[in-house]
N, C-alpha and C. Protein backbone atom coordinates (compact mmCIF):
# COMPACT_ATOMS: atom_id res chain seq x y z
N UNK A 1 20.21 3.09 8.23
CA UNK A 1 19.57 3.03 6.88
C UNK A 1 19.13 4.54 6.39
N UNK A 2 19.45 4.79 5.21
CA UNK A 2 19.23 5.94 4.62
C UNK A 2 17.77 5.81 4.01
N UNK A 3 17.18 7.16 3.62
CA UNK A 3 15.84 7.16 3.25
C UNK A 3 15.62 6.61 1.79
N UNK A 4 16.64 6.61 0.96
CA UNK A 4 16.79 5.86 -0.41
C UNK A 4 16.65 4.45 -0.24
N UNK A 5 17.24 3.66 0.76
CA UNK A 5 16.86 2.35 1.17
C UNK A 5 15.73 2.00 1.52
N UNK A 6 14.87 2.90 2.13
CA UNK A 6 13.45 2.80 2.56
C UNK A 6 12.55 2.73 1.35
N UNK A 7 12.96 3.73 0.62
CA UNK A 7 12.06 3.87 -0.80
C UNK A 7 12.38 2.56 -1.69
N UNK A 8 13.68 2.39 -2.11
CA UNK A 8 13.94 1.48 -2.99
C UNK A 8 14.65 0.29 -2.48
N UNK A 9 14.58 -0.87 -3.11
CA UNK A 9 15.32 -2.01 -2.63
C UNK A 9 16.40 -2.14 -3.82
N UNK A 10 17.71 -1.88 -3.65
CA UNK A 10 18.62 -1.95 -4.68
C UNK A 10 18.62 -3.22 -5.56
N UNK A 11 18.68 -4.20 -4.70
CA UNK A 11 18.54 -5.44 -5.58
C UNK A 11 17.43 -5.75 -6.30
N UNK A 12 16.24 -5.45 -5.81
CA UNK A 12 14.90 -5.55 -6.58
C UNK A 12 14.99 -4.61 -7.90
N UNK A 13 15.32 -3.44 -7.66
CA UNK A 13 15.33 -2.51 -8.74
C UNK A 13 16.39 -3.11 -9.75
N UNK A 14 17.43 -3.25 -9.49
CA UNK A 14 18.29 -3.86 -10.61
C UNK A 14 17.77 -5.37 -11.19
N UNK A 15 17.25 -6.08 -10.41
CA UNK A 15 16.65 -7.05 -11.10
C UNK A 15 15.51 -6.79 -12.03
N UNK A 16 14.66 -5.74 -11.51
CA UNK A 16 13.79 -5.24 -12.47
C UNK A 16 14.33 -4.55 -13.82
N UNK A 17 15.30 -3.88 -13.58
CA UNK A 17 15.71 -3.19 -14.75
C UNK A 17 16.50 -4.21 -15.75
N UNK A 18 17.25 -5.05 -15.17
CA UNK A 18 17.83 -6.07 -15.97
C UNK A 18 17.00 -6.91 -16.77
N UNK A 19 15.75 -7.27 -16.07
CA UNK A 19 14.62 -8.08 -16.66
C UNK A 19 14.13 -7.31 -17.99
N UNK A 20 14.26 -6.06 -17.88
CA UNK A 20 13.84 -5.22 -19.04
C UNK A 20 14.69 -4.91 -20.08
N UNK A 21 15.92 -5.29 -19.75
CA UNK A 21 16.97 -5.14 -20.82
C UNK A 21 18.03 -4.05 -20.47
N UNK A 22 17.83 -3.48 -19.37
CA UNK A 22 18.83 -2.30 -18.82
C UNK A 22 20.20 -2.88 -18.54
N UNK A 23 21.34 -2.54 -18.95
CA UNK A 23 22.61 -2.98 -18.76
C UNK A 23 23.33 -1.74 -18.37
N UNK A 24 24.11 -1.79 -17.12
CA UNK A 24 24.89 -0.65 -16.42
C UNK A 24 25.90 -0.07 -17.64
N UNK A 25 26.70 -0.87 -18.38
CA UNK A 25 27.57 -0.37 -19.59
C UNK A 25 26.93 0.38 -20.56
N UNK A 26 25.56 0.29 -20.65
CA UNK A 26 24.91 1.09 -21.71
C UNK A 26 23.96 2.24 -21.13
N UNK A 27 24.62 2.90 -20.28
CA UNK A 27 23.92 4.11 -19.52
C UNK A 27 23.84 5.22 -20.60
N UNK A 28 24.57 5.53 -21.36
CA UNK A 28 24.56 6.95 -22.07
C UNK A 28 23.22 6.67 -22.89
N UNK A 29 22.80 5.81 -23.78
CA UNK A 29 21.66 6.01 -24.31
C UNK A 29 20.27 6.28 -23.73
N UNK A 30 20.20 5.33 -22.74
CA UNK A 30 18.88 5.82 -21.75
C UNK A 30 18.96 7.11 -21.10
N UNK A 31 20.33 7.56 -20.68
CA UNK A 31 20.61 8.83 -20.17
C UNK A 31 20.17 9.92 -21.03
N UNK A 32 20.69 9.79 -22.23
CA UNK A 32 20.33 10.86 -23.30
C UNK A 32 18.79 10.83 -23.37
N UNK A 33 18.20 9.73 -23.59
CA UNK A 33 16.59 9.61 -23.59
C UNK A 33 15.91 10.58 -22.36
N UNK A 34 16.37 10.06 -21.26
CA UNK A 34 15.89 10.53 -20.00
C UNK A 34 16.13 12.10 -19.88
N UNK A 35 17.14 12.71 -20.15
CA UNK A 35 17.50 13.97 -19.83
C UNK A 35 16.84 14.69 -21.16
N UNK A 36 16.90 14.49 -22.46
CA UNK A 36 16.68 15.26 -23.50
C UNK A 36 15.21 14.92 -24.12
N UNK A 37 14.93 13.67 -24.47
CA UNK A 37 13.58 13.28 -24.96
C UNK A 37 12.65 13.29 -24.33
N UNK A 38 12.50 12.39 -23.16
CA UNK A 38 11.54 12.24 -22.26
C UNK A 38 10.80 13.71 -21.71
N UNK A 39 11.83 14.43 -21.15
CA UNK A 39 11.09 15.68 -20.60
C UNK A 39 10.39 16.75 -21.86
N UNK A 40 11.04 16.67 -23.05
CA UNK A 40 10.49 17.34 -24.10
C UNK A 40 8.92 16.77 -24.52
N UNK A 41 9.19 15.34 -24.57
CA UNK A 41 7.90 14.77 -24.99
C UNK A 41 6.72 15.07 -24.03
N UNK A 42 7.16 14.70 -22.56
CA UNK A 42 6.23 14.96 -21.74
C UNK A 42 5.68 16.38 -21.38
N UNK A 43 6.43 17.17 -21.42
CA UNK A 43 6.13 18.65 -21.24
C UNK A 43 5.28 19.17 -22.49
N UNK A 44 5.63 18.87 -23.64
CA UNK A 44 4.62 19.07 -24.87
C UNK A 44 3.37 18.49 -24.83
N UNK A 45 3.36 17.27 -24.19
CA UNK A 45 2.06 16.66 -24.18
C UNK A 45 1.32 17.16 -22.92
N UNK A 46 2.02 17.03 -21.75
CA UNK A 46 0.94 17.32 -20.45
C UNK A 46 0.85 18.87 -20.23
N UNK A 47 1.74 19.66 -20.51
CA UNK A 47 1.60 21.15 -20.47
C UNK A 47 0.92 21.73 -21.79
N UNK A 48 1.56 21.35 -22.80
CA UNK A 48 1.36 22.01 -24.18
C UNK A 48 0.04 21.38 -24.69
N UNK A 49 -0.36 20.42 -24.54
CA UNK A 49 -1.65 19.68 -25.04
C UNK A 49 -2.68 19.62 -24.00
N UNK A 50 -2.44 18.65 -23.06
CA UNK A 50 -3.39 18.45 -21.97
C UNK A 50 -4.02 19.71 -21.16
N UNK A 51 -2.78 20.29 -20.59
CA UNK A 51 -3.38 21.65 -19.74
C UNK A 51 -3.98 22.75 -20.61
N UNK A 52 -3.76 22.92 -21.79
CA UNK A 52 -4.19 23.93 -22.70
C UNK A 52 -5.52 23.47 -22.95
N UNK A 53 -5.96 22.22 -23.32
CA UNK A 53 -7.24 21.75 -23.84
C UNK A 53 -8.20 21.93 -22.48
N UNK A 54 -7.59 21.68 -21.29
CA UNK A 54 -8.65 21.47 -20.11
C UNK A 54 -8.69 23.28 -19.84
N UNK A 55 -7.74 23.96 -19.94
CA UNK A 55 -7.97 25.43 -19.73
C UNK A 55 -9.08 26.00 -20.58
N UNK A 56 -9.11 25.57 -21.92
CA UNK A 56 -9.77 26.03 -22.90
C UNK A 56 -11.39 25.89 -22.47
N UNK A 57 -11.47 24.51 -21.69
CA UNK A 57 -12.96 24.21 -21.34
C UNK A 57 -13.23 24.58 -20.00
N UNK A 58 -12.24 24.89 -19.10
CA UNK A 58 -12.65 24.89 -17.63
C UNK A 58 -12.98 26.43 -17.57
N UNK A 59 -14.04 26.58 -16.43
CA UNK A 59 -14.27 28.04 -16.24
C UNK A 59 -13.36 28.84 -15.86
N UNK A 60 -13.42 30.16 -16.25
CA UNK A 60 -12.38 31.04 -16.01
C UNK A 60 -12.00 31.27 -14.43
N UNK A 61 -10.90 31.38 -14.25
CA UNK A 61 -10.11 31.69 -12.91
C UNK A 61 -10.36 30.31 -11.94
N UNK A 62 -10.76 29.27 -12.63
CA UNK A 62 -10.71 28.00 -12.07
C UNK A 62 -9.31 27.27 -12.17
N UNK A 63 -9.16 26.43 -11.27
CA UNK A 63 -7.81 25.72 -10.99
C UNK A 63 -8.00 24.21 -11.46
N UNK A 64 -9.07 23.91 -12.08
CA UNK A 64 -9.60 22.60 -12.61
C UNK A 64 -8.34 22.03 -13.62
N UNK A 65 -8.03 22.78 -14.48
CA UNK A 65 -6.99 22.58 -15.36
C UNK A 65 -5.65 22.02 -14.80
N UNK A 66 -5.20 22.97 -13.82
CA UNK A 66 -3.95 22.63 -13.08
C UNK A 66 -4.19 21.41 -12.33
N UNK A 67 -5.12 21.16 -11.62
CA UNK A 67 -5.35 20.06 -10.73
C UNK A 67 -5.43 18.80 -11.65
N UNK A 68 -6.39 18.52 -12.79
CA UNK A 68 -6.45 17.35 -13.48
C UNK A 68 -5.31 16.96 -14.09
N UNK A 69 -4.80 17.99 -14.78
CA UNK A 69 -3.36 17.72 -15.62
C UNK A 69 -2.26 17.29 -14.89
N UNK A 70 -2.25 17.72 -13.40
CA UNK A 70 -1.25 17.32 -12.44
C UNK A 70 -1.52 15.87 -11.90
N UNK A 71 -2.63 15.75 -11.82
CA UNK A 71 -3.17 14.29 -11.28
C UNK A 71 -2.92 13.16 -12.21
N UNK A 72 -3.29 13.62 -13.58
CA UNK A 72 -3.00 12.69 -14.70
C UNK A 72 -1.61 12.53 -14.99
N UNK A 73 -0.78 13.67 -15.07
CA UNK A 73 0.72 13.51 -15.21
C UNK A 73 1.28 12.53 -14.11
N UNK A 74 0.96 12.77 -12.87
CA UNK A 74 1.58 11.94 -12.00
C UNK A 74 1.13 10.34 -12.19
N UNK A 75 -0.22 10.03 -12.38
CA UNK A 75 -0.72 8.80 -12.66
C UNK A 75 -0.23 8.11 -13.84
N UNK A 76 0.09 8.90 -14.59
CA UNK A 76 0.96 8.09 -15.85
C UNK A 76 2.23 7.51 -15.57
N UNK A 77 2.86 7.82 -14.42
CA UNK A 77 4.13 7.39 -14.03
C UNK A 77 3.73 6.28 -12.77
N UNK A 78 2.52 6.09 -12.63
CA UNK A 78 2.18 4.99 -11.36
C UNK A 78 2.92 3.48 -11.62
N UNK A 79 2.51 3.06 -12.79
CA UNK A 79 3.00 1.49 -13.11
C UNK A 79 4.52 1.58 -12.96
N UNK A 80 5.21 2.58 -13.32
CA UNK A 80 6.56 2.40 -13.43
C UNK A 80 7.15 2.66 -11.88
N UNK A 81 6.40 3.34 -11.20
CA UNK A 81 6.75 3.55 -9.62
C UNK A 81 6.40 2.52 -8.96
N UNK A 82 5.42 1.53 -9.22
CA UNK A 82 5.02 0.41 -8.64
C UNK A 82 6.18 -0.66 -9.05
N UNK A 83 6.65 -0.74 -9.94
CA UNK A 83 7.48 -1.57 -10.28
C UNK A 83 8.82 -1.61 -9.61
N UNK A 84 9.42 -0.23 -9.61
CA UNK A 84 10.46 0.12 -8.88
C UNK A 84 10.77 0.55 -7.46
N UNK A 85 9.70 1.19 -6.91
CA UNK A 85 9.55 1.66 -5.60
C UNK A 85 8.75 0.65 -4.83
N UNK A 86 9.23 0.55 -3.55
CA UNK A 86 8.72 -0.18 -2.43
C UNK A 86 7.22 -0.01 -2.36
N UNK A 87 6.12 -0.83 -1.91
CA UNK A 87 4.88 -0.58 -1.89
C UNK A 87 4.75 0.42 -0.91
N UNK A 88 3.48 1.20 -0.95
CA UNK A 88 3.29 2.39 -0.37
C UNK A 88 4.23 3.58 -0.58
N UNK A 89 5.14 3.36 -0.79
CA UNK A 89 6.23 4.50 -1.24
C UNK A 89 6.02 4.88 -2.82
N UNK A 90 5.38 3.88 -3.37
CA UNK A 90 5.12 4.28 -4.81
C UNK A 90 4.02 5.34 -4.71
N UNK A 91 3.02 5.04 -3.70
CA UNK A 91 1.74 5.98 -3.79
C UNK A 91 2.23 7.27 -3.23
N UNK A 92 3.20 7.39 -2.19
CA UNK A 92 3.64 8.61 -1.76
C UNK A 92 4.61 9.33 -2.82
N UNK A 93 5.12 8.69 -3.62
CA UNK A 93 5.73 9.20 -4.62
C UNK A 93 4.85 10.11 -5.82
N UNK A 94 3.76 9.17 -6.10
CA UNK A 94 2.86 9.78 -7.05
C UNK A 94 2.17 10.86 -6.39
N UNK A 95 1.94 10.99 -5.24
CA UNK A 95 1.23 12.33 -4.65
C UNK A 95 2.25 13.52 -4.61
N UNK A 96 3.57 13.08 -4.52
CA UNK A 96 4.64 14.13 -4.58
C UNK A 96 4.51 14.59 -6.07
N UNK A 97 4.70 13.62 -6.92
CA UNK A 97 4.87 13.80 -8.31
C UNK A 97 3.63 14.79 -8.66
N UNK A 98 2.46 14.52 -8.23
CA UNK A 98 1.40 15.58 -8.63
C UNK A 98 1.48 16.97 -8.38
N UNK A 99 2.16 17.34 -7.06
CA UNK A 99 2.68 18.72 -6.67
C UNK A 99 3.63 18.99 -7.49
N UNK A 100 4.75 18.19 -8.00
CA UNK A 100 5.77 18.69 -9.03
C UNK A 100 4.87 18.91 -10.42
N UNK A 101 3.94 18.34 -10.72
CA UNK A 101 3.24 18.74 -11.96
C UNK A 101 2.60 20.00 -11.79
N UNK A 102 2.13 20.18 -10.53
CA UNK A 102 1.66 21.63 -10.28
C UNK A 102 2.48 22.64 -10.63
N UNK A 103 3.78 22.34 -10.10
CA UNK A 103 4.72 23.52 -10.01
C UNK A 103 5.27 23.60 -11.50
N UNK A 104 5.08 22.49 -12.13
CA UNK A 104 5.42 22.63 -13.58
C UNK A 104 4.57 23.61 -14.42
N UNK A 105 3.34 23.43 -13.99
CA UNK A 105 2.01 24.07 -14.43
C UNK A 105 2.56 25.80 -14.28
N UNK A 106 2.72 26.03 -13.05
CA UNK A 106 3.11 27.40 -12.60
C UNK A 106 4.21 27.78 -13.43
N UNK A 107 5.16 27.02 -13.58
CA UNK A 107 6.57 27.60 -14.50
C UNK A 107 5.93 27.99 -15.77
N UNK A 108 5.21 27.00 -16.36
CA UNK A 108 4.79 27.11 -17.67
C UNK A 108 3.87 28.41 -17.71
N UNK A 109 2.97 28.61 -16.90
CA UNK A 109 2.07 29.75 -17.05
C UNK A 109 2.79 30.90 -16.79
N UNK A 110 3.76 31.11 -15.77
CA UNK A 110 4.57 32.27 -15.52
C UNK A 110 5.25 32.64 -16.51
N UNK A 111 6.18 31.86 -17.09
CA UNK A 111 7.07 32.24 -18.01
C UNK A 111 6.50 32.21 -19.57
N UNK A 112 5.21 31.49 -19.69
CA UNK A 112 4.63 31.46 -21.00
C UNK A 112 5.72 30.72 -21.91
N UNK A 113 6.29 29.73 -21.50
CA UNK A 113 7.25 29.06 -22.32
C UNK A 113 7.47 27.70 -21.98
N UNK A 114 7.23 26.85 -22.93
CA UNK A 114 7.23 25.32 -22.72
C UNK A 114 8.86 24.99 -22.63
N UNK A 115 9.65 25.84 -23.21
CA UNK A 115 11.05 25.47 -23.03
C UNK A 115 11.52 25.50 -21.79
N UNK A 116 11.25 26.48 -20.91
CA UNK A 116 11.44 26.63 -19.48
C UNK A 116 11.05 25.42 -18.77
N UNK A 117 9.82 25.17 -18.87
CA UNK A 117 9.32 23.92 -18.18
C UNK A 117 10.01 22.56 -18.78
N UNK A 118 10.31 22.48 -19.95
CA UNK A 118 11.25 21.30 -20.31
C UNK A 118 12.55 21.20 -19.61
N UNK A 119 13.10 22.33 -19.62
CA UNK A 119 14.44 22.61 -18.91
C UNK A 119 14.41 22.12 -17.49
N UNK A 120 13.35 22.68 -16.80
CA UNK A 120 13.27 22.35 -15.29
C UNK A 120 12.88 20.77 -15.21
N UNK A 121 12.12 20.25 -16.08
CA UNK A 121 11.78 18.81 -16.09
C UNK A 121 13.08 18.04 -16.11
N UNK A 122 13.91 18.35 -17.22
CA UNK A 122 15.05 17.69 -17.50
C UNK A 122 16.08 17.77 -16.45
N UNK A 123 16.32 19.17 -16.00
CA UNK A 123 17.45 19.07 -15.08
C UNK A 123 16.99 18.87 -13.59
N UNK A 124 15.62 18.94 -13.30
CA UNK A 124 15.29 18.85 -11.97
C UNK A 124 14.55 17.37 -11.63
N UNK A 125 14.10 16.70 -12.61
CA UNK A 125 13.47 15.53 -12.39
C UNK A 125 14.27 14.32 -13.12
N UNK A 126 14.54 14.34 -14.51
CA UNK A 126 14.85 13.32 -15.07
C UNK A 126 16.43 13.20 -14.94
N UNK A 127 17.35 14.24 -14.58
CA UNK A 127 18.75 14.05 -14.11
C UNK A 127 18.67 13.44 -13.00
N UNK A 128 17.87 13.52 -11.95
CA UNK A 128 18.03 13.05 -10.68
C UNK A 128 17.53 11.40 -10.99
N UNK A 129 16.70 11.20 -11.79
CA UNK A 129 16.42 9.65 -12.18
C UNK A 129 17.79 8.99 -12.54
N UNK A 130 18.47 9.61 -13.52
CA UNK A 130 19.75 9.13 -14.05
C UNK A 130 20.76 8.99 -12.81
N UNK A 131 20.83 9.80 -12.05
CA UNK A 131 21.87 9.96 -10.83
C UNK A 131 21.55 8.61 -10.15
N UNK A 132 20.13 8.25 -9.89
CA UNK A 132 19.57 7.30 -9.17
C UNK A 132 20.20 5.93 -9.61
N UNK A 133 19.81 5.93 -11.05
CA UNK A 133 20.37 4.63 -11.78
C UNK A 133 21.68 4.48 -11.63
N UNK A 134 22.60 5.62 -11.91
CA UNK A 134 24.04 5.52 -11.94
C UNK A 134 24.63 4.96 -10.37
N UNK A 135 23.88 5.47 -9.51
CA UNK A 135 24.20 5.18 -7.95
C UNK A 135 23.74 3.67 -7.80
N UNK A 136 22.91 3.21 -8.41
CA UNK A 136 22.43 1.71 -8.21
C UNK A 136 23.23 0.89 -8.68
N UNK A 137 24.13 1.21 -9.93
CA UNK A 137 24.80 0.27 -10.50
C UNK A 137 26.30 0.38 -10.05
N UNK A 138 26.47 1.16 -9.20
CA UNK A 138 27.85 1.38 -8.61
C UNK A 138 28.07 0.32 -7.48
């Protein structure tokens, strides 16, 4: 058994997706959404709005904005994870996603460009989600 089978139950995930209107032959529209629109909107909101507002009000030199925006970013995904990922693993994945959110903050701060954060999110996270969806339907 591979790690993917431990985290996801292919039959259960396909049932959940099908119940919500997903059809394998229609992979292109959700694929474009996940790789182009979703990372753009999430980065503009979580890094462009939430992080910047938190940094504006946080004490200088603190990491409060980084931590809170990353935890909120991860928590935002929790309900989707609970539907698609096996119990306990959803919580582990949220913990990992919080650290990914922190890396996104570091990328955004270091490059001073939301575009770089969007590209990393698109190619590093959401493209992986689409690859998993495609592999589930094969």
